[in-house]
Amino acid sequence: MQLSVEISLYPLQDNYLSIIKWFIGRLDQYPDIQRITNGMSTQIGGDYDTVMALLATEMKASHENWGRGVFVCKFIPGGVNLDHSE
């Protein structure tokens, strides 16, 4: 089963842009997922279990490295075409 997730990260620190870029870079270490980022969020897609496992790992790493931060996520089971635009 496929899963798409829209993620917004709000680090509770002044250097928030570097933390967001760090997180996106971590997502890029997973060759089996698709990632698209725009000015408001990052969307990832792939196998349900793979996506959920990487989110658990990378969200935990973010909190361990940077402390408090807020993740806002939308989960779409079955996935969506991340390349679609109108």
N, C-alpha and C. Protein backbone atom coordinates (compact mmCIF):
# COMPACT_ATOMS: atom_id res chain seq x y z
N MET A 1 0.85 -1.17 0.00
CA MET A 1 0.00 0.00 0.00
C MET A 1 0.90 1.25 0.00
N GLN A 2 0.50 2.23 -0.78
CA GLN A 2 1.24 3.47 -0.87
C GLN A 2 0.70 4.50 0.14
N LEU A 3 1.57 5.44 0.52
CA LEU A 3 1.21 6.50 1.45
C LEU A 3 1.88 7.79 1.00
N SER A 4 1.12 8.87 1.02
CA SER A 4 1.69 10.20 0.80
C SER A 4 1.49 11.01 2.07
N VAL A 5 2.50 11.80 2.42
CA VAL A 5 2.44 12.62 3.63
C VAL A 5 2.92 14.02 3.30
N GLU A 6 2.15 15.00 3.72
CA GLU A 6 2.56 16.40 3.63
C GLU A 6 3.06 16.80 5.01
N ILE A 7 4.28 17.30 5.09
CA ILE A 7 4.92 17.61 6.37
C ILE A 7 5.29 19.08 6.41
N SER A 8 4.95 19.73 7.51
CA SER A 8 5.46 21.07 7.81
C SER A 8 6.17 20.98 9.15
N LEU A 9 7.39 21.48 9.21
CA LEU A 9 8.18 21.47 10.43
C LEU A 9 8.34 22.91 10.91
N TYR A 10 8.04 23.12 12.18
CA TYR A 10 8.18 24.44 12.80
C TYR A 10 9.13 24.32 13.99
N PRO A 11 10.45 24.45 13.74
CA PRO A 11 11.41 24.41 14.85
C PRO A 11 11.18 25.62 15.76
N LEU A 12 11.26 25.42 17.03
CA LEU A 12 11.05 26.51 17.99
C LEU A 12 12.40 27.12 18.35
N GLN A 13 13.11 27.57 17.31
CA GLN A 13 14.43 28.19 17.46
C GLN A 13 14.60 29.27 16.41
N ASP A 14 15.53 30.18 16.65
CA ASP A 14 15.78 31.27 15.71
C ASP A 14 16.37 30.78 14.38
N ASN A 15 17.17 29.74 14.42
CA ASN A 15 17.83 29.22 13.20
C ASN A 15 16.96 28.17 12.50
N TYR A 16 15.67 28.45 12.40
CA TYR A 16 14.72 27.46 11.91
C TYR A 16 14.98 27.01 10.48
N LEU A 17 15.45 27.89 9.61
CA LEU A 17 15.69 27.47 8.21
C LEU A 17 16.76 26.39 8.10
N SER A 18 17.82 26.51 8.86
CA SER A 18 18.87 25.49 8.79
C SER A 18 18.37 24.15 9.32
N ILE A 19 17.50 24.19 10.31
CA ILE A 19 16.94 22.94 10.85
C ILE A 19 16.01 22.29 9.83
N ILE A 20 15.19 23.08 9.17
CA ILE A 20 14.29 22.54 8.14
C ILE A 20 15.11 21.94 7.00
N LYS A 21 16.16 22.62 6.56
CA LYS A 21 17.02 22.09 5.49
C LYS A 21 17.70 20.81 5.93
N TRP A 22 18.11 20.75 7.19
CA TRP A 22 18.71 19.53 7.74
C TRP A 22 17.72 18.38 7.65
N PHE A 23 16.47 18.62 8.05
CA PHE A 23 15.45 17.58 8.03
C PHE A 23 15.20 17.10 6.59
N ILE A 24 15.07 18.02 5.65
CA ILE A 24 14.84 17.65 4.26
C ILE A 24 16.02 16.84 3.72
N GLY A 25 17.22 17.22 4.09
CA GLY A 25 18.40 16.46 3.69
C GLY A 25 18.37 15.05 4.21
N ARG A 26 17.87 14.88 5.41
CA ARG A 26 17.74 13.53 5.99
C ARG A 26 16.73 12.71 5.19
N LEU A 27 15.64 13.33 4.77
CA LEU A 27 14.65 12.61 3.97
C LEU A 27 15.25 12.12 2.65
N ASP A 28 16.17 12.90 2.10
CA ASP A 28 16.79 12.54 0.83
C ASP A 28 17.69 11.32 0.93
N GLN A 29 17.97 10.83 2.12
CA GLN A 29 18.79 9.64 2.30
C GLN A 29 18.01 8.36 2.02
N TYR A 30 16.71 8.48 1.77
CA TYR A 30 15.86 7.31 1.55
C TYR A 30 15.56 7.19 0.06
N PRO A 31 16.25 6.28 -0.65
CA PRO A 31 16.09 6.20 -2.10
C PRO A 31 14.73 5.67 -2.54
N ASP A 32 14.00 5.02 -1.66
CA ASP A 32 12.73 4.41 -2.04
C ASP A 32 11.53 5.33 -1.87
N ILE A 33 11.76 6.58 -1.52
CA ILE A 33 10.64 7.52 -1.40
C ILE A 33 10.80 8.64 -2.42
N GLN A 34 9.69 9.27 -2.72
CA GLN A 34 9.69 10.45 -3.57
C GLN A 34 9.50 11.66 -2.66
N ARG A 35 10.24 12.76 -2.93
CA ARG A 35 10.12 13.96 -2.12
C ARG A 35 9.98 15.18 -3.02
N ILE A 36 9.04 16.04 -2.65
CA ILE A 36 8.87 17.33 -3.32
C ILE A 36 8.72 18.37 -2.21
N THR A 37 9.43 19.48 -2.34
CA THR A 37 9.36 20.55 -1.35
C THR A 37 8.97 21.84 -2.03
N ASN A 38 8.10 22.61 -1.37
CA ASN A 38 7.78 23.95 -1.84
C ASN A 38 7.95 24.91 -0.68
N GLY A 39 7.52 26.13 -0.80
CA GLY A 39 7.72 27.14 0.23
C GLY A 39 6.95 26.91 1.51
N MET A 40 5.98 26.00 1.49
CA MET A 40 5.15 25.81 2.68
C MET A 40 5.26 24.44 3.32
N SER A 41 5.67 23.43 2.54
CA SER A 41 5.72 22.08 3.10
C SER A 41 6.56 21.18 2.22
N THR A 42 6.75 19.97 2.72
CA THR A 42 7.42 18.91 1.99
C THR A 42 6.45 17.75 1.87
N GLN A 43 6.35 17.18 0.68
CA GLN A 43 5.53 16.01 0.49
C GLN A 43 6.45 14.82 0.20
N ILE A 44 6.15 13.70 0.84
CA ILE A 44 6.88 12.47 0.56
C ILE A 44 5.86 11.39 0.22
N GLY A 45 6.31 10.43 -0.56
CA GLY A 45 5.45 9.32 -0.93
C GLY A 45 6.26 8.06 -1.12
N GLY A 46 5.60 6.94 -0.87
CA GLY A 46 6.25 5.65 -1.03
C GLY A 46 5.46 4.57 -0.34
N ASP A 47 6.11 3.44 -0.14
CA ASP A 47 5.49 2.33 0.56
C ASP A 47 5.09 2.75 1.97
N TYR A 48 3.89 2.38 2.38
CA TYR A 48 3.33 2.79 3.67
C TYR A 48 4.29 2.52 4.83
N ASP A 49 4.77 1.28 4.93
CA ASP A 49 5.65 0.92 6.05
C ASP A 49 6.97 1.68 6.01
N THR A 50 7.51 1.87 4.82
CA THR A 50 8.76 2.62 4.67
C THR A 50 8.60 4.06 5.11
N VAL A 51 7.53 4.70 4.65
CA VAL A 51 7.29 6.11 5.00
C VAL A 51 7.06 6.26 6.50
N MET A 52 6.25 5.40 7.10
CA MET A 52 5.98 5.52 8.54
C MET A 52 7.25 5.28 9.36
N ALA A 53 8.07 4.32 8.94
CA ALA A 53 9.32 4.03 9.67
C ALA A 53 10.28 5.21 9.56
N LEU A 54 10.41 5.79 8.37
CA LEU A 54 11.34 6.91 8.24
C LEU A 54 10.85 8.12 9.01
N LEU A 55 9.54 8.35 9.06
CA LEU A 55 9.03 9.46 9.85
C LEU A 55 9.34 9.27 11.33
N ALA A 56 9.15 8.07 11.84
CA ALA A 56 9.47 7.81 13.25
C ALA A 56 10.95 8.07 13.53
N THR A 57 11.81 7.59 12.65
CA THR A 57 13.25 7.76 12.82
C THR A 57 13.66 9.22 12.73
N GLU A 58 13.20 9.92 11.70
CA GLU A 58 13.68 11.28 11.44
C GLU A 58 13.03 12.32 12.34
N MET A 59 11.79 12.11 12.74
CA MET A 59 11.18 13.03 13.70
C MET A 59 11.88 12.90 15.05
N LYS A 60 12.19 11.68 15.44
CA LYS A 60 12.92 11.47 16.70
C LYS A 60 14.31 12.12 16.62
N ALA A 61 15.01 11.92 15.50
CA ALA A 61 16.34 12.52 15.33
C ALA A 61 16.26 14.05 15.41
N SER A 62 15.21 14.62 14.82
CA SER A 62 15.04 16.07 14.87
C SER A 62 14.89 16.55 16.31
N HIS A 63 14.05 15.88 17.08
CA HIS A 63 13.85 16.29 18.47
C HIS A 63 15.10 16.08 19.31
N GLU A 64 15.82 14.98 19.04
CA GLU A 64 17.05 14.73 19.80
C GLU A 64 18.13 15.76 19.48
N ASN A 65 18.23 16.17 18.21
CA ASN A 65 19.27 17.11 17.81
C ASN A 65 18.93 18.56 18.07
N TRP A 66 17.68 18.93 17.93
CA TRP A 66 17.29 20.34 17.94
C TRP A 66 16.32 20.71 19.05
N GLY A 67 15.87 19.74 19.81
CA GLY A 67 14.94 20.06 20.90
C GLY A 67 13.53 20.22 20.38
N ARG A 68 12.82 21.12 20.99
CA ARG A 68 11.40 21.28 20.68
C ARG A 68 11.17 21.80 19.27
N GLY A 69 10.17 21.21 18.64
CA GLY A 69 9.73 21.62 17.31
C GLY A 69 8.37 20.99 17.06
N VAL A 70 7.63 21.59 16.17
CA VAL A 70 6.29 21.11 15.87
C VAL A 70 6.27 20.53 14.45
N PHE A 71 5.75 19.32 14.32
CA PHE A 71 5.51 18.71 13.02
C PHE A 71 4.00 18.69 12.78
N VAL A 72 3.59 19.18 11.63
CA VAL A 72 2.19 19.11 11.21
C VAL A 72 2.18 18.24 9.96
N CYS A 73 1.42 17.14 10.01
CA CYS A 73 1.43 16.18 8.91
C CYS A 73 0.01 15.85 8.47
N LYS A 74 -0.14 15.66 7.16
CA LYS A 74 -1.37 15.15 6.57
C LYS A 74 -1.03 13.83 5.91
N PHE A 75 -1.77 12.79 6.23
CA PHE A 75 -1.52 11.45 5.71
C PHE A 75 -2.61 11.08 4.70
N ILE A 76 -2.19 10.63 3.52
CA ILE A 76 -3.13 10.23 2.49
C ILE A 76 -2.83 8.78 2.10
N PRO A 77 -3.59 7.83 2.66
CA PRO A 77 -3.36 6.43 2.29
C PRO A 77 -3.70 6.21 0.81
N GLY A 78 -2.96 5.34 0.19
CA GLY A 78 -3.14 5.09 -1.23
C GLY A 78 -2.25 5.97 -2.07
N GLY A 79 -1.76 7.04 -1.50
CA GLY A 79 -0.82 7.92 -2.20
C GLY A 79 -1.50 8.84 -3.19
N VAL A 80 -0.76 9.84 -3.61
CA VAL A 80 -1.17 10.77 -4.66
C VAL A 80 0.00 10.98 -5.60
N ASN A 81 -0.26 11.52 -6.77
CA ASN A 81 0.78 11.83 -7.73
C ASN A 81 1.46 13.13 -7.28
N LEU A 82 2.65 13.04 -6.73
CA LEU A 82 3.36 14.22 -6.24
C LEU A 82 3.87 15.09 -7.36
N ASP A 83 3.87 14.60 -8.59
CA ASP A 83 4.30 15.40 -9.73
C ASP A 83 3.18 16.22 -10.32
N HIS A 84 1.94 16.01 -9.87
CA HIS A 84 0.79 16.70 -10.43
C HIS A 84 0.78 18.17 -10.06
N SER A 85 0.46 19.02 -11.01
CA SER A 85 0.27 20.44 -10.73
C SER A 85 -0.74 20.97 -11.74
N GLU A 86 -1.42 22.03 -11.36
CA GLU A 86 -2.38 22.66 -12.26
C GLU A 86 -2.01 24.10 -12.49
